[in-house]
PDB file of N, CA and C in Angstrom:
ATOM      1  N   MET A   1      69.656 -49.193  52.625  1.00  0.00           N
ATOM      2  CA  MET A   1      68.730 -49.433  53.711  1.00  0.00           C
ATOM      3  C   MET A   1      68.535 -50.927  53.926  1.00  0.00           C
ATOM      4  N   LYS A   2      68.204 -51.280  55.149  1.00  0.00           N
ATOM      5  CA  LYS A   2      67.892 -52.677  55.465  1.00  0.00           C
ATOM      6  C   LYS A   2      66.466 -52.986  55.031  1.00  0.00           C
ATOM      7  N   ILE A   3      66.220 -54.249  54.747  1.00  0.00           N
ATOM      8  CA  ILE A   3      64.882 -54.705  54.354  1.00  0.00           C
ATOM      9  C   ILE A   3      64.408 -55.721  55.395  1.00  0.00           C
ATOM     10  N   ALA A   4      63.209 -55.510  55.921  1.00  0.00           N
ATOM     11  CA  ALA A   4      62.577 -56.467  56.840  1.00  0.00           C
ATOM     12  C   ALA A   4      61.221 -56.843  56.254  1.00  0.00           C
ATOM     13  N   ARG A   5      60.747 -58.036  56.587  1.00  0.00           N
ATOM     14  CA  ARG A   5      59.482 -58.532  56.043  1.00  0.00           C
ATOM     15  C   ARG A   5      58.554 -58.953  57.177  1.00  0.00           C
ATOM     16  N   THR A   6      57.280 -58.565  57.076  1.00  0.00           N
ATOM     17  CA  THR A   6      56.300 -59.036  58.053  1.00  0.00           C
ATOM     18  C   THR A   6      55.919 -60.467  57.699  1.00  0.00           C
ATOM     19  N   GLU A   7      55.312 -61.170  58.640  1.00  0.00           N
ATOM     20  CA  GLU A   7      54.836 -62.529  58.369  1.00  0.00           C
ATOM     21  C   GLU A   7      53.793 -62.518  57.258  1.00  0.00           C
ATOM     22  N   ARG A   8      52.937 -61.504  57.268  1.00  0.00           N
ATOM     23  CA  ARG A   8      51.922 -61.388  56.219  1.00  0.00           C
ATOM     24  C   ARG A   8      52.572 -61.258  54.846  1.00  0.00           C
ATOM     25  N   PHE A   9      53.642 -60.465  54.751  1.00  0.00           N
ATOM     26  CA  PHE A   9      54.351 -60.315  53.486  1.00  0.00           C
ATOM     27  C   PHE A   9      54.928 -61.665  53.049  1.00  0.00           C
ATOM     28  N   LYS A  10      55.541 -62.381  53.979  1.00  0.00           N
ATOM     29  CA  LYS A  10      56.149 -63.674  53.644  1.00  0.00           C
ATOM     30  C   LYS A  10      55.109 -64.660  53.110  1.00  0.00           C
ATOM     31  N   ARG A  11      53.943 -64.716  53.755  1.00  0.00           N
ATOM     32  CA  ARG A  11      52.880 -65.610  53.287  1.00  0.00           C
ATOM     33  C   ARG A  11      52.396 -65.213  51.897  1.00  0.00           C
ATOM     34  N   ALA A  12      52.171 -63.919  51.688  1.00  0.00           N
ATOM     35  CA  ALA A  12      51.685 -63.438  50.389  1.00  0.00           C
ATOM     36  C   ALA A  12      52.740 -63.667  49.305  1.00  0.00           C
ATOM     37  N   TYR A  13      54.004 -63.496  49.632  1.00  0.00           N
ATOM     38  CA  TYR A  13      55.095 -63.703  48.664  1.00  0.00           C
ATOM     39  C   TYR A  13      55.120 -65.157  48.187  1.00  0.00           C
ATOM     40  N   ARG A  14      54.936 -66.092  49.104  1.00  0.00           N
ATOM     41  CA  ARG A  14      54.952 -67.513  48.742  1.00  0.00           C
ATOM     42  C   ARG A  14      53.800 -67.876  47.803  1.00  0.00           C
ATOM     43  N   GLN A  15      52.721 -67.108  47.823  1.00  0.00           N
ATOM     44  CA  GLN A  15      51.564 -67.394  46.983  1.00  0.00           C
ATOM     45  C   GLN A  15      51.682 -66.795  45.578  1.00  0.00           C
ATOM     46  N   LEU A  16      52.700 -65.982  45.341  1.00  0.00           N
ATOM     47  CA  LEU A  16      52.895 -65.379  44.025  1.00  0.00           C
ATOM     48  C   LEU A  16      53.339 -66.422  43.011  1.00  0.00           C
ATOM     49  N   SER A  17      53.093 -66.137  41.752  1.00  0.00           N
ATOM     50  CA  SER A  17      53.604 -66.999  40.679  1.00  0.00           C
ATOM     51  C   SER A  17      55.124 -66.866  40.640  1.00  0.00           C
ATOM     52  N   ALA A  18      55.791 -67.806  40.017  1.00  0.00           N
ATOM     53  CA  ALA A  18      57.248 -67.771  39.914  1.00  0.00           C
ATOM     54  C   ALA A  18      57.709 -66.498  39.213  1.00  0.00           C
ATOM     55  N   GLU A  19      56.969 -66.092  38.192  1.00  0.00           N
ATOM     56  CA  GLU A  19      57.322 -64.867  37.456  1.00  0.00           C
ATOM     57  C   GLU A  19      57.211 -63.635  38.354  1.00  0.00           C
ATOM     58  N   ASN A  20      56.132 -63.539  39.114  1.00  0.00           N
ATOM     59  CA  ASN A  20      55.966 -62.397  40.021  1.00  0.00           C
ATOM     60  C   ASN A  20      56.986 -62.409  41.151  1.00  0.00           C
ATOM     61  N   ARG A  21      57.369 -63.593  41.631  1.00  0.00           N
ATOM     62  CA  ARG A  21      58.407 -63.661  42.670  1.00  0.00           C
ATOM     63  C   ARG A  21      59.729 -63.134  42.132  1.00  0.00           C
ATOM     64  N   ALA A  22      60.065 -63.478  40.889  1.00  0.00           N
ATOM     65  CA  ALA A  22      61.309 -62.984  40.280  1.00  0.00           C
ATOM     66  C   ALA A  22      61.255 -61.465  40.137  1.00  0.00           C
ATOM     67  N   GLN A  23      60.117 -60.943  39.699  1.00  0.00           N
ATOM     68  CA  GLN A  23      59.965 -59.496  39.564  1.00  0.00           C
ATOM     69  C   GLN A  23      60.000 -58.817  40.933  1.00  0.00           C
ATOM     70  N   ALA A  24      59.441 -59.477  41.937  1.00  0.00           N
ATOM     71  CA  ALA A  24      59.438 -58.927  43.297  1.00  0.00           C
ATOM     72  C   ALA A  24      60.859 -58.849  43.846  1.00  0.00           C
ATOM     73  N   ARG A  25      61.656 -59.888  43.621  1.00  0.00           N
ATOM     74  CA  ARG A  25      63.053 -59.857  44.084  1.00  0.00           C
ATOM     75  C   ARG A  25      63.791 -58.661  43.482  1.00  0.00           C
ATOM     76  N   LYS A  26      63.576 -58.418  42.200  1.00  0.00           N
ATOM     77  CA  LYS A  26      64.224 -57.292  41.523  1.00  0.00           C
ATOM     78  C   LYS A  26      63.732 -55.965  42.110  1.00  0.00           C
ATOM     79  N   ALA A  27      62.421 -55.830  42.303  1.00  0.00           N
ATOM     80  CA  ALA A  27      61.857 -54.590  42.848  1.00  0.00           C
ATOM     81  C   ALA A  27      62.358 -54.335  44.271  1.00  0.00           C
ATOM     82  N   ILE A  28      62.434 -55.373  45.089  1.00  0.00           N
ATOM     83  CA  ILE A  28      62.899 -55.219  46.471  1.00  0.00           C
ATOM     84  C   ILE A  28      64.364 -54.804  46.484  1.00  0.00           C
ATOM     85  N   SER A  29      65.162 -55.375  45.591  1.00  0.00           N
ATOM     86  CA  SER A  29      66.559 -54.991  45.486  1.00  0.00           C
ATOM     87  C   SER A  29      66.694 -53.517  45.105  1.00  0.00           C
ATOM     88  N   GLN A  30      65.903 -53.081  44.125  1.00  0.00           N
ATOM     89  CA  GLN A  30      65.927 -51.677  43.717  1.00  0.00           C
ATOM     90  C   GLN A  30      65.463 -50.771  44.847  1.00  0.00           C
ATOM     91  N   LEU A  31      64.448 -51.200  45.577  1.00  0.00           N
ATOM     92  CA  LEU A  31      63.912 -50.425  46.686  1.00  0.00           C
ATOM     93  C   LEU A  31      64.986 -50.207  47.750  1.00  0.00           C
ATOM     94  N   GLY A  32      65.761 -51.237  48.035  1.00  0.00           N
ATOM     95  CA  GLY A  32      66.827 -51.131  49.032  1.00  0.00           C
ATOM     96  C   GLY A  32      67.974 -50.245  48.584  1.00  0.00           C
ATOM     97  N   GLN A  33      68.179 -50.140  47.276  1.00  0.00           N
ATOM     98  CA  GLN A  33      69.278 -49.331  46.741  1.00  0.00           C
ATOM     99  C   GLN A  33      68.875 -47.875  46.520  1.00  0.00           C
ATOM    100  N   ASP A  34      67.693 -47.662  45.943  1.00  0.00           N
ATOM    101  CA  ASP A  34      67.243 -46.307  45.612  1.00  0.00           C
ATOM    102  C   ASP A  34      65.721 -46.269  45.612  1.00  0.00           C
ATOM    103  N   ILE A  35      65.155 -45.755  46.682  1.00  0.00           N
ATOM    104  CA  ILE A  35      63.703 -45.738  46.832  1.00  0.00           C
ATOM    105  C   ILE A  35      63.030 -44.871  45.763  1.00  0.00           C
ATOM    106  N   ARG A  36      63.788 -43.987  45.138  1.00  0.00           N
ATOM    107  CA  ARG A  36      63.235 -43.102  44.107  1.00  0.00           C
ATOM    108  C   ARG A  36      63.411 -43.648  42.697  1.00  0.00           C
ATOM    109  N   HIS A  37      63.807 -44.899  42.574  1.00  0.00           N
ATOM    110  CA  HIS A  37      63.985 -45.505  41.245  1.00  0.00           C
ATOM    111  C   HIS A  37      62.675 -45.352  40.470  1.00  0.00           C
ATOM    112  N   PRO A  38      62.722 -44.783  39.249  1.00  0.00           N
ATOM    113  CA  PRO A  38      61.484 -44.504  38.518  1.00  0.00           C
ATOM    114  C   PRO A  38      60.662 -45.746  38.177  1.00  0.00           C
ATOM    115  N   GLY A  39      61.271 -46.897  38.029  1.00  0.00           N
ATOM    116  CA  GLY A  39      60.539 -48.112  37.705  1.00  0.00           C
ATOM    117  C   GLY A  39      59.648 -48.601  38.834  1.00  0.00           C
ATOM    118  N   LEU A  40      59.932 -48.148  40.049  1.00  0.00           N
ATOM    119  CA  LEU A  40      59.146 -48.580  41.208  1.00  0.00           C
ATOM    120  C   LEU A  40      57.866 -47.781  41.376  1.00  0.00           C
ATOM    121  N   GLY A  41      57.848 -46.560  40.899  1.00  0.00           N
ATOM    122  CA  GLY A  41      56.646 -45.727  41.032  1.00  0.00           C
ATOM    123  C   GLY A  41      56.181 -45.585  42.469  1.00  0.00           C
ATOM    124  N   VAL A  42      57.107 -45.377  43.389  1.00  0.00           N
ATOM    125  CA  VAL A  42      56.776 -45.291  44.810  1.00  0.00           C
ATOM    126  C   VAL A  42      55.893 -44.080  45.079  1.00  0.00           C
ATOM    127  N   LYS A  43      54.820 -44.319  45.842  1.00  0.00           N
ATOM    128  CA  LYS A  43      53.953 -43.216  46.263  1.00  0.00           C
ATOM    129  C   LYS A  43      53.225 -43.601  47.542  1.00  0.00           C
ATOM    130  N   ARG A  44      52.790 -42.576  48.264  1.00  0.00           N
ATOM    131  CA  ARG A  44      52.042 -42.797  49.509  1.00  0.00           C
ATOM    132  C   ARG A  44      50.666 -43.363  49.196  1.00  0.00           C
ATOM    133  N   ILE A  45      50.164 -44.152  50.114  1.00  0.00           N
ATOM    134  CA  ILE A  45      48.801 -44.677  49.983  1.00  0.00           C
ATOM    135  C   ILE A  45      47.879 -43.724  50.732  1.00  0.00           C
ATOM    136  N   ARG A  46      46.910 -43.194  50.024  1.00  0.00           N
ATOM    137  CA  ARG A  46      45.959 -42.260  50.645  1.00  0.00           C
ATOM    138  C   ARG A  46      45.171 -42.952  51.748  1.00  0.00           C
ATOM    139  N   GLY A  47      45.038 -42.256  52.861  1.00  0.00           N
ATOM    140  CA  GLY A  47      44.243 -42.777  53.968  1.00  0.00           C
ATOM    141  C   GLY A  47      44.959 -43.796  54.827  1.00  0.00           C
ATOM    142  N   ALA A  48      46.214 -44.070  54.544  1.00  0.00           N
ATOM    143  CA  ALA A  48      46.987 -45.029  55.343  1.00  0.00           C
ATOM    144  C   ALA A  48      48.275 -44.335  55.769  1.00  0.00           C
ATOM    145  N   ARG A  49      48.260 -43.744  56.909  1.00  0.00           N
ATOM    146  CA  ARG A  49      49.382 -42.939  57.393  1.00  0.00           C
ATOM    147  C   ARG A  49      50.687 -43.746  57.451  1.00  0.00           C
ATOM    148  N   GLY A  50      51.704 -43.238  56.760  1.00  0.00           N
ATOM    149  CA  GLY A  50      53.041 -43.826  56.814  1.00  0.00           C
ATOM    150  C   GLY A  50      53.234 -45.068  55.971  1.00  0.00           C
ATOM    151  N   ILE A  51      52.260 -45.433  55.147  1.00  0.00           N
ATOM    152  CA  ILE A  51      52.389 -46.634  54.319  1.00  0.00           C
ATOM    153  C   ILE A  51      52.512 -46.215  52.855  1.00  0.00           C
ATOM    154  N   TRP A  52      53.450 -46.849  52.184  1.00  0.00           N
ATOM    155  CA  TRP A  52      53.773 -46.539  50.797  1.00  0.00           C
ATOM    156  C   TRP A  52      53.539 -47.760  49.922  1.00  0.00           C
ATOM    157  N   GLU A  53      53.406 -47.529  48.621  1.00  0.00           N
ATOM    158  CA  GLU A  53      53.298 -48.631  47.669  1.00  0.00           C
ATOM    159  C   GLU A  53      54.415 -48.510  46.638  1.00  0.00           C
ATOM    160  N   ALA A  54      54.798 -49.656  46.077  1.00  0.00           N
ATOM    161  CA  ALA A  54      55.781 -49.704  44.998  1.00  0.00           C
ATOM    162  C   ALA A  54      55.302 -50.711  43.958  1.00  0.00           C
ATOM    163  N   ARG A  55      55.627 -50.450  42.717  1.00  0.00           N
ATOM    164  CA  ARG A  55      55.230 -51.302  41.602  1.00  0.00           C
ATOM    165  C   ARG A  55      56.211 -52.470  41.469  1.00  0.00           C
ATOM    166  N   VAL A  56      55.666 -53.675  41.395  1.00  0.00           N
ATOM    167  CA  VAL A  56      56.454 -54.875  41.138  1.00  0.00           C
ATOM    168  C   VAL A  56      56.322 -55.233  39.653  1.00  0.00           C
ATOM    169  N   SER A  57      55.090 -55.189  39.171  1.00  0.00           N
ATOM    170  CA  SER A  57      54.795 -55.437  37.757  1.00  0.00           C
ATOM    171  C   SER A  57      53.553 -54.624  37.408  1.00  0.00           C
ATOM    172  N   ARG A  58      53.053 -54.834  36.221  1.00  0.00           N
ATOM    173  CA  ARG A  58      51.877 -54.066  35.808  1.00  0.00           C
ATOM    174  C   ARG A  58      50.690 -54.276  36.753  1.00  0.00           C
ATOM    175  N   SER A  59      50.510 -55.479  37.262  1.00  0.00           N
ATOM    176  CA  SER A  59      49.352 -55.764  38.115  1.00  0.00           C
ATOM    177  C   SER A  59      49.715 -56.074  39.569  1.00  0.00           C
ATOM    178  N   CYS A  60      50.980 -56.138  39.891  1.00  0.00           N
ATOM    179  CA  CYS A  60      51.419 -56.528  41.234  1.00  0.00           C
ATOM    180  C   CYS A  60      52.040 -55.332  41.960  1.00  0.00           C
ATOM    181  N   ARG A  61      51.658 -55.157  43.221  1.00  0.00           N
ATOM    182  CA  ARG A  61      52.189 -54.076  44.047  1.00  0.00           C
ATOM    183  C   ARG A  61      52.657 -54.638  45.378  1.00  0.00           C
ATOM    184  N   LEU A  62      53.559 -53.891  46.014  1.00  0.00           N
ATOM    185  CA  LEU A  62      53.937 -54.215  47.386  1.00  0.00           C
ATOM    186  C   LEU A  62      53.764 -52.961  48.215  1.00  0.00           C
ATOM    187  N   THR A  63      53.475 -53.149  49.490  1.00  0.00           N
ATOM    188  CA  THR A  63      53.342 -52.024  50.403  1.00  0.00           C
ATOM    189  C   THR A  63      54.437 -52.115  51.457  1.00  0.00           C
ATOM    190  N   PHE A  64      54.841 -50.944  51.944  1.00  0.00           N
ATOM    191  CA  PHE A  64      55.917 -50.906  52.933  1.00  0.00           C
ATOM    192  C   PHE A  64      55.799 -49.645  53.764  1.00  0.00           C
ATOM    193  N   GLN A  65      56.550 -49.644  54.849  1.00  0.00           N
ATOM    194  CA  GLN A  65      56.699 -48.433  55.643  1.00  0.00           C
ATOM    195  C   GLN A  65      58.166 -48.305  55.998  1.00  0.00           C
ATOM    196  N   MET A  66      58.580 -47.086  56.266  1.00  0.00           N
ATOM    197  CA  MET A  66      59.979 -46.830  56.586  1.00  0.00           C
ATOM    198  C   MET A  66      60.110 -46.545  58.066  1.00  0.00           C
ATOM    199  N   GLU A  67      61.060 -47.249  58.675  1.00  0.00           N
ATOM    200  CA  GLU A  67      61.335 -47.068  60.096  1.00  0.00           C
ATOM    201  C   GLU A  67      62.835 -46.876  60.253  1.00  0.00           C
ATOM    202  N   ARG A  68      63.236 -45.627  60.460  1.00  0.00           N
ATOM    203  CA  ARG A  68      64.648 -45.246  60.559  1.00  0.00           C
ATOM    204  C   ARG A  68      65.418 -45.710  59.336  1.00  0.00           C
ATOM    205  N   ASP A  69      66.307 -46.694  59.485  1.00  0.00           N
ATOM    206  CA  ASP A  69      67.119 -47.147  58.351  1.00  0.00           C
ATOM    207  C   ASP A  69      66.622 -48.477  57.784  1.00  0.00           C
ATOM    208  N   THR A  70      65.357 -48.815  58.046  1.00  0.00           N
ATOM    209  CA  THR A  70      64.788 -50.091  57.606  1.00  0.00           C
ATOM    210  C   THR A  70      63.502 -49.874  56.810  1.00  0.00           C
ATOM    211  N   ILE A  71      63.388 -50.620  55.727  1.00  0.00           N
ATOM    212  CA  ILE A  71      62.148 -50.657  54.964  1.00  0.00           C
ATOM    213  C   ILE A  71      61.421 -51.922  55.391  1.00  0.00           C
ATOM    214  N   LEU A  72      60.233 -51.769  55.956  1.00  0.00           N
ATOM    215  CA  LEU A  72      59.431 -52.902  56.419  1.00  0.00           C
ATOM    216  C   LEU A  72      58.403 -53.245  55.348  1.00  0.00           C
ATOM    217  N   LEU A  73      58.595 -54.386  54.687  1.00  0.00           N
ATOM    218  CA  LEU A  73      57.665 -54.839  53.655  1.00  0.00           C
ATOM    219  C   LEU A  73      56.435 -55.414  54.336  1.00  0.00           C
ATOM    220  N   ARG A  74      55.247 -54.894  53.978  1.00  0.00           N
ATOM    221  CA  ARG A  74      54.010 -55.249  54.666  1.00  0.00           C
ATOM    222  C   ARG A  74      53.147 -56.246  53.920  1.00  0.00           C
ATOM    223  N   ASN A  75      52.966 -56.039  52.597  1.00  0.00           N
ATOM    224  CA  ASN A  75      52.060 -56.886  51.824  1.00  0.00           C
ATOM    225  C   ASN A  75      52.492 -56.863  50.361  1.00  0.00           C
ATOM    226  N   ILE A  76      52.117 -57.891  49.610  1.00  0.00           N
ATOM    227  CA  ILE A  76      52.439 -57.971  48.195  1.00  0.00           C
ATOM    228  C   ILE A  76      51.354 -58.792  47.509  1.00  0.00           C
ATOM    229  N   GLY A  77      51.046 -58.424  46.274  1.00  0.00           N
ATOM    230  CA  GLY A  77      50.051 -59.172  45.513  1.00  0.00           C
ATOM    231  C   GLY A  77      49.399 -58.315  44.454  1.00  0.00           C
ATOM    232  N   GLU A  78      48.216 -58.754  44.020  1.00  0.00           N
ATOM    233  CA  GLU A  78      47.471 -58.032  42.982  1.00  0.00           C
ATOM    234  C   GLU A  78      47.125 -56.623  43.450  1.00  0.00           C
ATOM    235  N   HIS A  79      47.189 -55.700  42.543  1.00  0.00           N
ATOM    236  CA  HIS A  79      47.031 -54.272  42.818  1.00  0.00           C
ATOM    237  C   HIS A  79      45.860 -53.962  43.747  1.00  0.00           C
ATOM    238  N   ASP A  80      44.656 -54.305  43.361  1.00  0.00           N
ATOM    239  CA  ASP A  80      43.474 -53.928  44.156  1.00  0.00           C
ATOM    240  C   ASP A  80      43.444 -54.615  45.517  1.00  0.00           C
ATOM    241  N   ASP A  81      43.851 -55.869  45.577  1.00  0.00           N
ATOM    242  CA  ASP A  81      43.855 -56.594  46.851  1.00  0.00           C
ATOM    243  C   ASP A  81      44.821 -55.970  47.842  1.00  0.00           C
ATOM    244  N   VAL A  82      46.011 -55.667  47.373  1.00  0.00           N
ATOM    245  CA  VAL A  82      47.054 -55.133  48.256  1.00  0.00           C
ATOM    246  C   VAL A  82      46.712 -53.721  48.716  1.00  0.00           C
ATOM    247  N   LEU A  83      46.255 -52.883  47.813  1.00  0.00           N
ATOM    248  CA  LEU A  83      45.962 -51.503  48.190  1.00  0.00           C
ATOM    249  C   LEU A  83      44.703 -51.408  49.040  1.00  0.00           C
ATOM    250  N   GLY A  84      43.840 -52.399  48.987  1.00  0.00           N
ATOM    251  CA  GLY A  84      42.669 -52.429  49.861  1.00  0.00           C
ATOM    252  C   GLY A  84      43.018 -52.814  51.285  1.00  0.00           C
ATOM    253  N   ARG A  85      44.119 -53.557  51.442  1.00  0.00           N
ATOM    254  CA  ARG A  85      44.602 -53.980  52.766  1.00  0.00           C
ATOM    255  C   ARG A  85      46.108 -53.792  52.839  1.00  0.00           C
ATOM    256  N   PRO A  86      46.588 -52.532  52.915  1.00  0.00           N
ATOM    257  CA  PRO A  86      48.035 -52.275  52.851  1.00  0.00           C
ATOM    258  C   PRO A  86      48.770 -52.847  54.029  1.00  0.00           C
TER     259      PRO A  86
END
């Protein structure tokens, strides 16, 4: 699948620590290859129609939505912050 990034995702990605950015690159690569990869822990976000979350690290999550053959990355950051504003 193709990967696209919103401006909000790009801004949030730049604010991550170097370690989280490295983990995010790995998670995004896995997401593009196999959305069901067990390390990603992909699941729907309750109350947010069509928006999903994936695990980047123990405390970092990213949100995305799927549009045909493209995964649109919406937000990334600390678990509670990201899931509060997917």
